[in-house]
PDB file of all heavy atoms in Angstrom:
ATOM      1  N   LEU A   1       0.840  -1.197   0.000  1.00  0.00           N
ATOM      2  CA  LEU A   1       0.000   0.000   0.000  1.00  0.00           C
ATOM      3  C   LEU A   1       0.872   1.243   0.000  1.00  0.00           C
ATOM      4  O   LEU A   1       0.610   2.210  -0.709  1.00  0.00           O
ATOM      5  CB  LEU A   1      -0.916  -0.003   1.227  1.00  0.00           C
ATOM      6  CG  LEU A   1      -1.952   1.122   1.306  1.00  0.00           C
ATOM      7  CD1 LEU A   1      -2.958   0.976   0.181  1.00  0.00           C
ATOM      8  CD2 LEU A   1      -2.652   1.106   2.648  1.00  0.00           C
ATOM      9  N   ILE A   2       1.951   1.206   0.800  1.00  0.00           N
ATOM     10  CA  ILE A   2       2.880   2.332   0.828  1.00  0.00           C
ATOM     11  C   ILE A   2       3.482   2.546  -0.560  1.00  0.00           C
ATOM     12  O   ILE A   2       3.573   3.653  -1.063  1.00  0.00           O
ATOM     13  CB  ILE A   2       4.003   2.086   1.849  1.00  0.00           C
ATOM     14  CG1 ILE A   2       3.421   2.021   3.267  1.00  0.00           C
ATOM     15  CG2 ILE A   2       5.062   3.190   1.783  1.00  0.00           C
ATOM     16  CD1 ILE A   2       4.436   1.661   4.316  1.00  0.00           C
ATOM     17  N   ASN A   3       3.871   1.445  -1.198  1.00  0.00           N
ATOM     18  CA  ASN A   3       4.576   1.536  -2.475  1.00  0.00           C
ATOM     19  C   ASN A   3       3.680   1.991  -3.614  1.00  0.00           C
ATOM     20  O   ASN A   3       4.119   2.707  -4.514  1.00  0.00           O
ATOM     21  CB  ASN A   3       5.194   0.183  -2.822  1.00  0.00           C
ATOM     22  CG  ASN A   3       6.281  -0.219  -1.846  1.00  0.00           C
ATOM     23  OD1 ASN A   3       6.903   0.636  -1.231  1.00  0.00           O
ATOM     24  ND2 ASN A   3       6.492  -1.518  -1.694  1.00  0.00           N
ATOM     25  N   HIS A   4       2.382   1.578  -3.599  1.00  0.00           N
ATOM     26  CA  HIS A   4       1.523   1.807  -4.757  1.00  0.00           C
ATOM     27  C   HIS A   4       0.535   2.956  -4.581  1.00  0.00           C
ATOM     28  O   HIS A   4       0.193   3.617  -5.549  1.00  0.00           O
ATOM     29  CB  HIS A   4       0.759   0.530  -5.086  1.00  0.00           C
ATOM     30  CG  HIS A   4       1.655  -0.600  -5.477  1.00  0.00           C
ATOM     31  ND1 HIS A   4       2.431  -0.581  -6.600  1.00  0.00           N
ATOM     32  CD2 HIS A   4       1.909  -1.795  -4.870  1.00  0.00           C
ATOM     33  CE1 HIS A   4       3.125  -1.712  -6.694  1.00  0.00           C
ATOM     34  NE2 HIS A   4       2.835  -2.458  -5.652  1.00  0.00           N
ATOM     35  N   GLU A   5       0.077   3.181  -3.366  1.00  0.00           N
ATOM     36  CA  GLU A   5      -0.933   4.218  -3.177  1.00  0.00           C
ATOM     37  C   GLU A   5      -0.308   5.601  -3.014  1.00  0.00           C
ATOM     38  O   GLU A   5      -0.957   6.607  -3.223  1.00  0.00           O
ATOM     39  CB  GLU A   5      -1.783   3.913  -1.942  1.00  0.00           C
ATOM     40  CG  GLU A   5      -2.652   2.680  -2.097  1.00  0.00           C
ATOM     41  CD  GLU A   5      -3.707   2.846  -3.176  1.00  0.00           C
ATOM     42  OE1 GLU A   5      -4.127   3.981  -3.425  1.00  0.00           O
ATOM     43  OE2 GLU A   5      -4.091   1.827  -3.768  1.00  0.00           O
ATOM     44  N   PHE A   6       0.968   5.661  -2.622  1.00  0.00           N
ATOM     45  CA  PHE A   6       1.579   6.948  -2.340  1.00  0.00           C
ATOM     46  C   PHE A   6       2.847   7.112  -3.171  1.00  0.00           C
ATOM     47  O   PHE A   6       3.949   6.872  -2.705  1.00  0.00           O
ATOM     48  CB  PHE A   6       1.904   7.063  -0.850  1.00  0.00           C
ATOM     49  CG  PHE A   6       0.715   6.764   0.017  1.00  0.00           C
ATOM     50  CD1 PHE A   6       0.631   5.549   0.689  1.00  0.00           C
ATOM     51  CD2 PHE A   6      -0.314   7.658   0.143  1.00  0.00           C
ATOM     52  CE1 PHE A   6      -0.465   5.258   1.468  1.00  0.00           C
ATOM     53  CE2 PHE A   6      -1.412   7.362   0.924  1.00  0.00           C
ATOM     54  CZ  PHE A   6      -1.492   6.165   1.588  1.00  0.00           C
ATOM     55  N   ASN A   7       2.668   7.463  -4.427  1.00  0.00           N
ATOM     56  CA  ASN A   7       3.811   7.611  -5.313  1.00  0.00           C
ATOM     57  C   ASN A   7       4.556   8.920  -5.064  1.00  0.00           C
ATOM     58  O   ASN A   7       5.759   9.008  -5.272  1.00  0.00           O
ATOM     59  CB  ASN A   7       3.354   7.559  -6.779  1.00  0.00           C
ATOM     60  CG  ASN A   7       2.788   6.194  -7.135  1.00  0.00           C
ATOM     61  OD1 ASN A   7       3.306   5.185  -6.683  1.00  0.00           O
ATOM     62  ND2 ASN A   7       1.725   6.159  -7.914  1.00  0.00           N
ATOM     63  N   GLU A   8       3.814   9.939  -4.615  1.00  0.00           N
ATOM     64  CA  GLU A   8       4.449  11.216  -4.320  1.00  0.00           C
ATOM     65  C   GLU A   8       4.678  11.284  -2.817  1.00  0.00           C
ATOM     66  O   GLU A   8       3.748  11.345  -2.034  1.00  0.00           O
ATOM     67  CB  GLU A   8       3.552  12.376  -4.761  1.00  0.00           C
ATOM     68  CG  GLU A   8       3.322  12.419  -6.270  1.00  0.00           C
ATOM     69  CD  GLU A   8       2.483  13.606  -6.661  1.00  0.00           C
ATOM     70  OE1 GLU A   8       2.206  14.437  -5.792  1.00  0.00           O
ATOM     71  OE2 GLU A   8       2.114  13.696  -7.834  1.00  0.00           O
ATOM     72  N   VAL A   9       5.925  11.275  -2.418  1.00  0.00           N
ATOM     73  CA  VAL A   9       6.245  11.245  -0.995  1.00  0.00           C
ATOM     74  C   VAL A   9       7.242  12.352  -0.677  1.00  0.00           C
ATOM     75  O   VAL A   9       8.229  12.524  -1.374  1.00  0.00           O
ATOM     76  CB  VAL A   9       6.851   9.876  -0.598  1.00  0.00           C
ATOM     77  CG1 VAL A   9       7.191   9.859   0.879  1.00  0.00           C
ATOM     78  CG2 VAL A   9       5.883   8.765  -0.927  1.00  0.00           C
ATOM     79  N   MET A  10       6.962  13.111   0.388  1.00  0.00           N
ATOM     80  CA  MET A  10       7.893  14.114   0.873  1.00  0.00           C
ATOM     81  C   MET A  10       8.529  13.577   2.142  1.00  0.00           C
ATOM     82  O   MET A  10       7.987  12.717   2.808  1.00  0.00           O
ATOM     83  CB  MET A  10       7.150  15.411   1.181  1.00  0.00           C
ATOM     84  CG  MET A  10       6.398  16.005  -0.001  1.00  0.00           C
ATOM     85  SD  MET A  10       5.503  17.482   0.461  1.00  0.00           S
ATOM     86  CE  MET A  10       4.290  16.833   1.597  1.00  0.00           C
ATOM     87  N   TYR A  11       9.692  14.093   2.509  1.00  0.00           N
ATOM     88  CA  TYR A  11      10.384  13.611   3.699  1.00  0.00           C
ATOM     89  C   TYR A  11      10.800  14.780   4.583  1.00  0.00           C
ATOM     90  O   TYR A  11      11.191  15.840   4.097  1.00  0.00           O
ATOM     91  CB  TYR A  11      11.639  12.816   3.319  1.00  0.00           C
ATOM     92  CG  TYR A  11      11.334  11.483   2.694  1.00  0.00           C
ATOM     93  CD1 TYR A  11      11.123  11.364   1.331  1.00  0.00           C
ATOM     94  CD2 TYR A  11      11.232  10.343   3.481  1.00  0.00           C
ATOM     95  CE1 TYR A  11      10.835  10.138   0.758  1.00  0.00           C
ATOM     96  CE2 TYR A  11      10.942   9.108   2.915  1.00  0.00           C
ATOM     97  CZ  TYR A  11      10.753   9.014   1.560  1.00  0.00           C
ATOM     98  OH  TYR A  11      10.458   7.796   0.997  1.00  0.00           O
ATOM     99  N   ASP A  12      10.719  14.562   5.907  1.00  0.00           N
ATOM    100  CA  ASP A  12      11.363  15.487   6.826  1.00  0.00           C
ATOM    101  C   ASP A  12      12.699  14.853   7.215  1.00  0.00           C
ATOM    102  O   ASP A  12      13.219  14.004   6.511  1.00  0.00           O
ATOM    103  CB  ASP A  12      10.474  15.787   8.039  1.00  0.00           C
ATOM    104  CG  ASP A  12      10.202  14.559   8.894  1.00  0.00           C
ATOM    105  OD1 ASP A  12      10.826  13.509   8.638  1.00  0.00           O
ATOM    106  OD2 ASP A  12       9.372  14.659   9.812  1.00  0.00           O
ATOM    107  N   ASN A  13      13.249  15.213   8.346  1.00  0.00           N
ATOM    108  CA  ASN A  13      14.566  14.698   8.725  1.00  0.00           C
ATOM    109  C   ASN A  13      14.568  13.208   9.019  1.00  0.00           C
ATOM    110  O   ASN A  13      15.576  12.548   8.900  1.00  0.00           O
ATOM    111  CB  ASN A  13      15.088  15.461   9.954  1.00  0.00           C
ATOM    112  CG  ASN A  13      15.386  16.914   9.618  1.00  0.00           C
ATOM    113  OD1 ASN A  13      15.695  17.213   8.479  1.00  0.00           O
ATOM    114  ND2 ASN A  13      15.270  17.795  10.597  1.00  0.00           N
ATOM    115  N   ARG A  14      13.421  12.658   9.439  1.00  0.00           N
ATOM    116  CA  ARG A  14      13.419  11.264   9.874  1.00  0.00           C
ATOM    117  C   ARG A  14      12.361  10.424   9.181  1.00  0.00           C
ATOM    118  O   ARG A  14      12.597   9.297   8.798  1.00  0.00           O
ATOM    119  CB  ARG A  14      13.183  11.182  11.393  1.00  0.00           C
ATOM    120  CG  ARG A  14      14.288  11.763  12.229  1.00  0.00           C
ATOM    121  CD  ARG A  14      13.915  11.664  13.698  1.00  0.00           C
ATOM    122  NE  ARG A  14      12.684  12.393  13.980  1.00  0.00           N
ATOM    123  CZ  ARG A  14      11.963  12.250  15.082  1.00  0.00           C
ATOM    124  NH1 ARG A  14      12.342  11.388  16.001  1.00  0.00           N
ATOM    125  NH2 ARG A  14      10.858  12.945  15.271  1.00  0.00           N
ATOM    126  N   PHE A  15      11.146  10.972   9.023  1.00  0.00           N
ATOM    127  CA  PHE A  15      10.030  10.128   8.615  1.00  0.00           C
ATOM    128  C   PHE A  15       9.405  10.622   7.310  1.00  0.00           C
ATOM    129  O   PHE A  15       9.425  11.814   7.005  1.00  0.00           O
ATOM    130  CB  PHE A  15       8.949  10.125   9.708  1.00  0.00           C
ATOM    131  CG  PHE A  15       9.430   9.587  11.013  1.00  0.00           C
ATOM    132  CD1 PHE A  15       9.457  10.384  12.142  1.00  0.00           C
ATOM    133  CD2 PHE A  15       9.863   8.282  11.107  1.00  0.00           C
ATOM    134  CE1 PHE A  15       9.906   9.885  13.342  1.00  0.00           C
ATOM    135  CE2 PHE A  15      10.303   7.766  12.305  1.00  0.00           C
ATOM    136  CZ  PHE A  15      10.330   8.572  13.428  1.00  0.00           C
ATOM    137  N   PRO A  16       8.782   9.722   6.555  1.00  0.00           N
ATOM    138  CA  PRO A  16       8.055  10.126   5.352  1.00  0.00           C
ATOM    139  C   PRO A  16       6.736  10.783   5.700  1.00  0.00           C
ATOM    140  O   PRO A  16       6.094  10.423   6.676  1.00  0.00           O
ATOM    141  CB  PRO A  16       7.828   8.797   4.612  1.00  0.00           C
ATOM    142  CG  PRO A  16       7.830   7.774   5.689  1.00  0.00           C
ATOM    143  CD  PRO A  16       8.782   8.274   6.737  1.00  0.00           C
ATOM    144  N   ILE A  17       6.357  11.774   4.918  1.00  0.00           N
ATOM    145  CA  ILE A  17       5.047  12.419   5.091  1.00  0.00           C
ATOM    146  C   ILE A  17       4.238  12.123   3.838  1.00  0.00           C
ATOM    147  O   ILE A  17       4.577  12.572   2.746  1.00  0.00           O
ATOM    148  CB  ILE A  17       5.192  13.945   5.283  1.00  0.00           C
ATOM    149  CG1 ILE A  17       6.121  14.243   6.470  1.00  0.00           C
ATOM    150  CG2 ILE A  17       3.835  14.583   5.485  1.00  0.00           C
ATOM    151  CD1 ILE A  17       6.426  15.707   6.636  1.00  0.00           C
ATOM    152  N   PHE A  18       3.160  11.380   3.961  1.00  0.00           N
ATOM    153  CA  PHE A  18       2.395  10.954   2.801  1.00  0.00           C
ATOM    154  C   PHE A  18       1.321  11.981   2.462  1.00  0.00           C
ATOM    155  O   PHE A  18       0.672  12.530   3.347  1.00  0.00           O
ATOM    156  CB  PHE A  18       1.728   9.603   3.076  1.00  0.00           C
ATOM    157  CG  PHE A  18       2.701   8.514   3.390  1.00  0.00           C
ATOM    158  CD1 PHE A  18       2.868   8.071   4.690  1.00  0.00           C
ATOM    159  CD2 PHE A  18       3.455   7.941   2.395  1.00  0.00           C
ATOM    160  CE1 PHE A  18       3.760   7.067   4.982  1.00  0.00           C
ATOM    161  CE2 PHE A  18       4.361   6.931   2.677  1.00  0.00           C
ATOM    162  CZ  PHE A  18       4.515   6.500   3.970  1.00  0.00           C
ATOM    163  N   ARG A  19       1.125  12.211   1.187  1.00  0.00           N
ATOM    164  CA  ARG A  19       0.006  13.042   0.740  1.00  0.00           C
ATOM    165  C   ARG A  19      -1.229  12.153   0.711  1.00  0.00           C
ATOM    166  O   ARG A  19      -1.302  11.208  -0.067  1.00  0.00           O
ATOM    167  CB  ARG A  19       0.300  13.608  -0.649  1.00  0.00           C
ATOM    168  CG  ARG A  19       1.448  14.608  -0.641  1.00  0.00           C
ATOM    169  CD  ARG A  19       1.741  15.120  -2.040  1.00  0.00           C
ATOM    170  NE  ARG A  19       2.816  16.092  -2.026  1.00  0.00           N
ATOM    171  CZ  ARG A  19       3.332  16.633  -3.111  1.00  0.00           C
ATOM    172  NH1 ARG A  19       2.865  16.286  -4.296  1.00  0.00           N
ATOM    173  NH2 ARG A  19       4.308  17.507  -3.020  1.00  0.00           N
ATOM    174  N   LEU A  20      -2.187  12.466   1.534  1.00  0.00           N
ATOM    175  CA  LEU A  20      -3.334  11.591   1.701  1.00  0.00           C
ATOM    176  C   LEU A  20      -4.310  11.744   0.538  1.00  0.00           C
ATOM    177  O   LEU A  20      -4.616  12.861   0.116  1.00  0.00           O
ATOM    178  CB  LEU A  20      -4.049  11.920   3.017  1.00  0.00           C
ATOM    179  CG  LEU A  20      -3.163  11.891   4.257  1.00  0.00           C
ATOM    180  CD1 LEU A  20      -3.999  12.210   5.486  1.00  0.00           C
ATOM    181  CD2 LEU A  20      -2.500  10.542   4.408  1.00  0.00           C
ATOM    182  N   PRO A  21      -4.814  10.625   0.011  1.00  0.00           N
ATOM    183  CA  PRO A  21      -5.781  10.709  -1.082  1.00  0.00           C
ATOM    184  C   PRO A  21      -7.125  11.221  -0.572  1.00  0.00           C
ATOM    185  O   PRO A  21      -7.515  10.949   0.553  1.00  0.00           O
ATOM    186  CB  PRO A  21      -5.907   9.258  -1.554  1.00  0.00           C
ATOM    187  CG  PRO A  21      -5.548   8.451  -0.352  1.00  0.00           C
ATOM    188  CD  PRO A  21      -4.531   9.244   0.407  1.00  0.00           C
ATOM    189  N   LYS A  22      -7.837  11.954  -1.405  1.00  0.00           N
ATOM    190  CA  LYS A  22      -9.147  12.454  -1.024  1.00  0.00           C
ATOM    191  C   LYS A  22     -10.177  11.335  -1.158  1.00  0.00           C
ATOM    192  O   LYS A  22     -10.278  10.700  -2.198  1.00  0.00           O
ATOM    193  CB  LYS A  22      -9.552  13.620  -1.926  1.00  0.00           C
ATOM    194  CG  LYS A  22     -10.873  14.248  -1.523  1.00  0.00           C
ATOM    195  CD  LYS A  22     -11.194  15.430  -2.417  1.00  0.00           C
ATOM    196  CE  LYS A  22     -12.526  16.061  -2.018  1.00  0.00           C
ATOM    197  NZ  LYS A  22     -12.854  17.224  -2.872  1.00  0.00           N
ATOM    198  N   PRO A  23     -10.921  11.040  -0.075  1.00  0.00           N
ATOM    199  CA  PRO A  23     -11.878   9.925  -0.147  1.00  0.00           C
ATOM    200  C   PRO A  23     -13.019  10.215  -1.107  1.00  0.00           C
ATOM    201  O   PRO A  23     -13.491  11.344  -1.228  1.00  0.00           O
ATOM    202  CB  PRO A  23     -12.384   9.812   1.298  1.00  0.00           C
ATOM    203  CG  PRO A  23     -12.180  11.164   1.865  1.00  0.00           C
ATOM    204  CD  PRO A  23     -10.948  11.721   1.222  1.00  0.00           C
ATOM    205  N   GLU A  24     -13.465   9.184  -1.807  1.00  0.00           N
ATOM    206  CA  GLU A  24     -14.609   9.306  -2.705  1.00  0.00           C
ATOM    207  C   GLU A  24     -15.870   8.903  -1.943  1.00  0.00           C
ATOM    208  O   GLU A  24     -15.808   8.102  -1.007  1.00  0.00           O
ATOM    209  CB  GLU A  24     -14.412   8.398  -3.920  1.00  0.00           C
ATOM    210  CG  GLU A  24     -13.170   8.743  -4.715  1.00  0.00           C
ATOM    211  CD  GLU A  24     -12.921   7.761  -5.837  1.00  0.00           C
ATOM    212  OE1 GLU A  24     -13.756   6.830  -5.993  1.00  0.00           O
ATOM    213  OE2 GLU A  24     -11.922   7.907  -6.542  1.00  0.00           O
ATOM    214  N   PRO A  25     -17.028   9.413  -2.320  1.00  0.00           N
ATOM    215  CA  PRO A  25     -18.257   9.094  -1.599  1.00  0.00           C
ATOM    216  C   PRO A  25     -18.732   7.670  -1.855  1.00  0.00           C
ATOM    217  O   PRO A  25     -18.297   6.999  -2.780  1.00  0.00           O
ATOM    218  CB  PRO A  25     -19.264  10.104  -2.162  1.00  0.00           C
ATOM    219  CG  PRO A  25     -18.733  10.447  -3.521  1.00  0.00           C
ATOM    220  CD  PRO A  25     -17.250  10.391  -3.393  1.00  0.00           C
ATOM    221  N   ASP A  26     -19.610   7.217  -1.001  1.00  0.00           N
ATOM    222  CA  ASP A  26     -20.373   5.964  -1.150  1.00  0.00           C
ATOM    223  C   ASP A  26     -19.632   4.682  -0.751  1.00  0.00           C
ATOM    224  O   ASP A  26     -20.111   3.943   0.098  1.00  0.00           O
ATOM    225  CB  ASP A  26     -20.919   5.809  -2.571  1.00  0.00           C
ATOM    226  CG  ASP A  26     -21.940   6.882  -2.895  1.00  0.00           C
ATOM    227  OD1 ASP A  26     -22.657   7.301  -1.977  1.00  0.00           O
ATOM    228  OD2 ASP A  26     -21.989   7.303  -4.049  1.00  0.00           O
ATOM    229  N   SER A  27     -18.485   4.368  -1.370  1.00  0.00           N
ATOM    230  CA  SER A  27     -17.894   3.047  -1.133  1.00  0.00           C
ATOM    231  C   SER A  27     -17.032   3.023   0.127  1.00  0.00           C
ATOM    232  O   SER A  27     -16.385   4.008   0.476  1.00  0.00           O
ATOM    233  CB  SER A  27     -17.059   2.604  -2.331  1.00  0.00           C
ATOM    234  OG  SER A  27     -15.818   3.276  -2.338  1.00  0.00           O
ATOM    235  N   ILE A  28     -17.019   1.843   0.770  1.00  0.00           N
ATOM    236  CA  ILE A  28     -16.215   1.711   1.985  1.00  0.00           C
ATOM    237  C   ILE A  28     -14.735   1.643   1.655  1.00  0.00           C
ATOM    238  O   ILE A  28     -13.896   2.033   2.472  1.00  0.00           O
ATOM    239  CB  ILE A  28     -16.639   0.479   2.821  1.00  0.00           C
ATOM    240  CG1 ILE A  28     -16.426  -0.818   2.039  1.00  0.00           C
ATOM    241  CG2 ILE A  28     -18.065   0.617   3.296  1.00  0.00           C
ATOM    242  CD1 ILE A  28     -16.604  -2.076   2.872  1.00  0.00           C
ATOM    243  N   LEU A  29     -14.371   1.177   0.443  1.00  0.00           N
ATOM    244  CA  LEU A  29     -12.962   1.047   0.088  1.00  0.00           C
ATOM    245  C   LEU A  29     -12.259   2.390   0.130  1.00  0.00           C
ATOM    246  O   LEU A  29     -11.147   2.506   0.661  1.00  0.00           O
ATOM    247  CB  LEU A  29     -12.817   0.427  -1.303  1.00  0.00           C
ATOM    248  CG  LEU A  29     -11.385   0.413  -1.873  1.00  0.00           C
ATOM    249  CD1 LEU A  29     -10.452  -0.366  -0.960  1.00  0.00           C
ATOM    250  CD2 LEU A  29     -11.368  -0.164  -3.274  1.00  0.00           C
ATOM    251  N   ALA A  30     -12.890   3.429  -0.429  1.00  0.00           N
ATOM    252  CA  ALA A  30     -12.254   4.742  -0.482  1.00  0.00           C
ATOM    253  C   ALA A  30     -11.938   5.244   0.922  1.00  0.00           C
ATOM    254  O   ALA A  30     -10.855   5.771   1.179  1.00  0.00           O
ATOM    255  CB  ALA A  30     -13.162   5.728  -1.211  1.00  0.00           C
ATOM    256  N   THR A  31     -12.890   5.078   1.836  1.00  0.00           N
ATOM    257  CA  THR A  31     -12.670   5.560   3.200  1.00  0.00           C
ATOM    258  C   THR A  31     -11.675   4.676   3.939  1.00  0.00           C
ATOM    259  O   THR A  31     -10.890   5.155   4.752  1.00  0.00           O
ATOM    260  CB  THR A  31     -14.005   5.632   3.969  1.00  0.00           C
ATOM    261  OG1 THR A  31     -14.943   6.399   3.209  1.00  0.00           O
ATOM    262  CG2 THR A  31     -13.815   6.312   5.319  1.00  0.00           C
ATOM    263  N   PHE A  32     -11.704   3.383   3.675  1.00  0.00           N
ATOM    264  CA  PHE A  32     -10.688   2.496   4.252  1.00  0.00           C
ATOM    265  C   PHE A  32      -9.295   2.947   3.822  1.00  0.00           C
ATOM    266  O   PHE A  32      -8.377   3.058   4.643  1.00  0.00           O
ATOM    267  CB  PHE A  32     -10.922   1.043   3.815  1.00  0.00           C
ATOM    268  CG  PHE A  32     -11.591   0.186   4.845  1.00  0.00           C
ATOM    269  CD1 PHE A  32     -12.934  -0.133   4.744  1.00  0.00           C
ATOM    270  CD2 PHE A  32     -10.885  -0.307   5.940  1.00  0.00           C
ATOM    271  CE1 PHE A  32     -13.563  -0.930   5.696  1.00  0.00           C
ATOM    272  CE2 PHE A  32     -11.496  -1.108   6.892  1.00  0.00           C
ATOM    273  CZ  PHE A  32     -12.836  -1.419   6.772  1.00  0.00           C
TER     274      PHE A  32
END
């Protein structure tokens, strides 16, 4: 999930900061 869902990744000094995808309405998968 890390490798495929978050292709654009920024980093601080220690940890990755992921750009969170915007959830789509209706389906549970998007919110999961």
